[in-house]
Amino acid sequence: PQRMDVLTTVGRAYITTGKLDKGIDALQTVTAMQPHNLNALFILGVGYANAGRSAEALDAFRRVLEIKPDFNQARLIVSRLKSRGRVKVNLK
C-alpha cells in the first residue's frame, strides 16, 4: 500500500510537469493494483485528458464518479469532455 501511495505521487508529479506518458504509466500500475483508488483514478483521468485521450479520460472519470458520485470537479470535466471533445485540466 505504501508503494502505491508513492507511485501515485510520482504519477501526479509527472502529469503536472507535462511528462504525461510516464505519469499515465505509473497511475495505470496503481489503478491495476487498487481499482478503487479515487486519487489515482482522478489524476489518471487528468493525464488522459491532457494527452488528448478523451475516451480513456471519460472512462477514468466515470470510474471516479462510480466511487464518489458527488465529485463535482470530475462531473465538470466529464461535461467539458462531452461537449468539447478535448480539454486541458490543471492539477492544483
Protein backbone atom coordinates (compact mmCIF):
# COMPACT_ATOMS: atom_id res chain seq x y z
CA PRO A 1 0.00 0.00 0.00
CA GLN A 2 2.77 2.49 0.79
CA ARG A 3 4.38 1.85 -2.58
CA MET A 4 1.09 2.65 -4.32
CA ASP A 5 0.88 5.97 -2.45
CA VAL A 6 4.41 6.82 -3.56
CA LEU A 7 3.65 5.72 -7.12
CA THR A 8 0.50 7.88 -7.13
CA THR A 9 2.59 10.86 -6.02
CA VAL A 10 5.17 10.13 -8.71
CA GLY A 11 2.41 9.83 -11.32
CA ARG A 12 0.95 13.16 -10.24
CA ALA A 13 4.37 14.81 -10.45
CA TYR A 14 4.84 13.52 -13.98
CA ILE A 15 1.37 14.71 -15.03
CA THR A 16 1.86 18.19 -13.57
CA THR A 17 5.26 18.58 -15.26
CA GLY A 18 3.97 17.51 -18.67
CA LYS A 19 5.54 14.05 -18.74
CA LEU A 20 2.15 12.56 -19.48
CA ASP A 21 3.19 9.12 -20.74
CA LYS A 22 5.31 8.45 -17.65
CA GLY A 23 2.54 9.69 -15.37
CA ILE A 24 -0.10 7.61 -17.11
CA ASP A 25 2.10 4.51 -16.88
CA ALA A 26 2.64 5.00 -13.13
CA LEU A 27 -1.04 5.63 -12.47
CA GLN A 28 -2.16 2.68 -14.60
CA THR A 29 0.01 0.50 -12.36
CA VAL A 30 -1.64 1.92 -9.25
CA THR A 31 -5.20 1.55 -10.58
CA ALA A 32 -4.50 -2.01 -11.74
CA MET A 33 -3.49 -2.90 -8.17
CA GLN A 34 -6.04 -0.64 -6.47
CA PRO A 35 -9.01 -0.20 -8.82
CA HIS A 36 -10.89 1.95 -6.28
CA ASN A 37 -8.05 4.38 -5.57
CA LEU A 38 -10.00 7.59 -6.13
CA ASN A 39 -6.96 9.86 -6.14
CA ALA A 40 -5.04 7.76 -8.67
CA LEU A 41 -8.09 7.40 -10.92
CA PHE A 42 -8.74 11.13 -10.93
CA ILE A 43 -5.13 12.01 -11.74
CA LEU A 44 -5.08 9.28 -14.41
CA GLY A 45 -8.16 10.89 -15.97
CA VAL A 46 -6.39 14.24 -15.96
CA GLY A 47 -3.37 12.66 -17.64
CA TYR A 48 -5.52 11.09 -20.33
CA ALA A 49 -7.41 14.35 -20.89
CA ASN A 50 -4.23 16.37 -21.19
CA ALA A 51 -2.76 13.80 -23.59
CA GLY A 52 -5.81 14.14 -25.84
CA ARG A 53 -7.01 10.63 -24.98
CA SER A 54 -10.59 11.70 -24.39
CA ALA A 55 -12.26 8.28 -24.45
CA GLU A 56 -9.86 6.95 -21.83
CA ALA A 57 -10.27 10.13 -19.79
CA LEU A 58 -14.05 9.73 -19.83
CA ASP A 59 -13.69 6.13 -18.69
CA ALA A 60 -11.39 7.11 -15.80
CA PHE A 61 -13.70 9.94 -14.68
CA ARG A 62 -16.75 7.67 -14.90
CA ARG A 63 -14.95 5.24 -12.61
CA VAL A 64 -14.26 8.14 -10.24
CA LEU A 65 -17.96 9.07 -10.26
CA GLU A 66 -18.99 5.46 -9.58
CA ILE A 67 -16.94 5.63 -6.39
CA LYS A 68 -17.88 9.19 -5.45
CA PRO A 69 -20.98 10.39 -7.33
CA ASP A 70 -20.82 13.87 -5.80
CA PHE A 71 -17.28 14.62 -7.02
CA ASN A 72 -18.15 17.91 -8.71
CA GLN A 73 -14.78 18.54 -10.34
CA ALA A 74 -14.95 15.16 -12.09
CA ARG A 75 -18.53 15.89 -13.22
CA LEU A 76 -17.41 19.23 -14.67
CA ILE A 77 -14.54 17.64 -16.58
CA VAL A 78 -16.83 14.93 -17.97
CA SER A 79 -19.26 17.60 -19.12
CA ARG A 80 -16.49 19.54 -20.84
CA LEU A 81 -15.10 16.41 -22.48
CA LYS A 82 -18.51 15.52 -23.83
CA SER A 83 -19.20 18.99 -25.19
CA ARG A 84 -15.73 19.92 -26.46
CA GLY A 85 -14.18 16.53 -27.11
CA ARG A 86 -10.87 17.61 -25.61
CA VAL A 87 -9.89 19.62 -22.54
CA LYS A 88 -6.78 20.55 -20.60
CA VAL A 89 -7.00 20.12 -16.86
CA ASN A 90 -4.68 21.82 -14.38
CA LEU A 91 -3.96 19.99 -11.15
CA LYS A 92 -3.52 22.25 -8.15
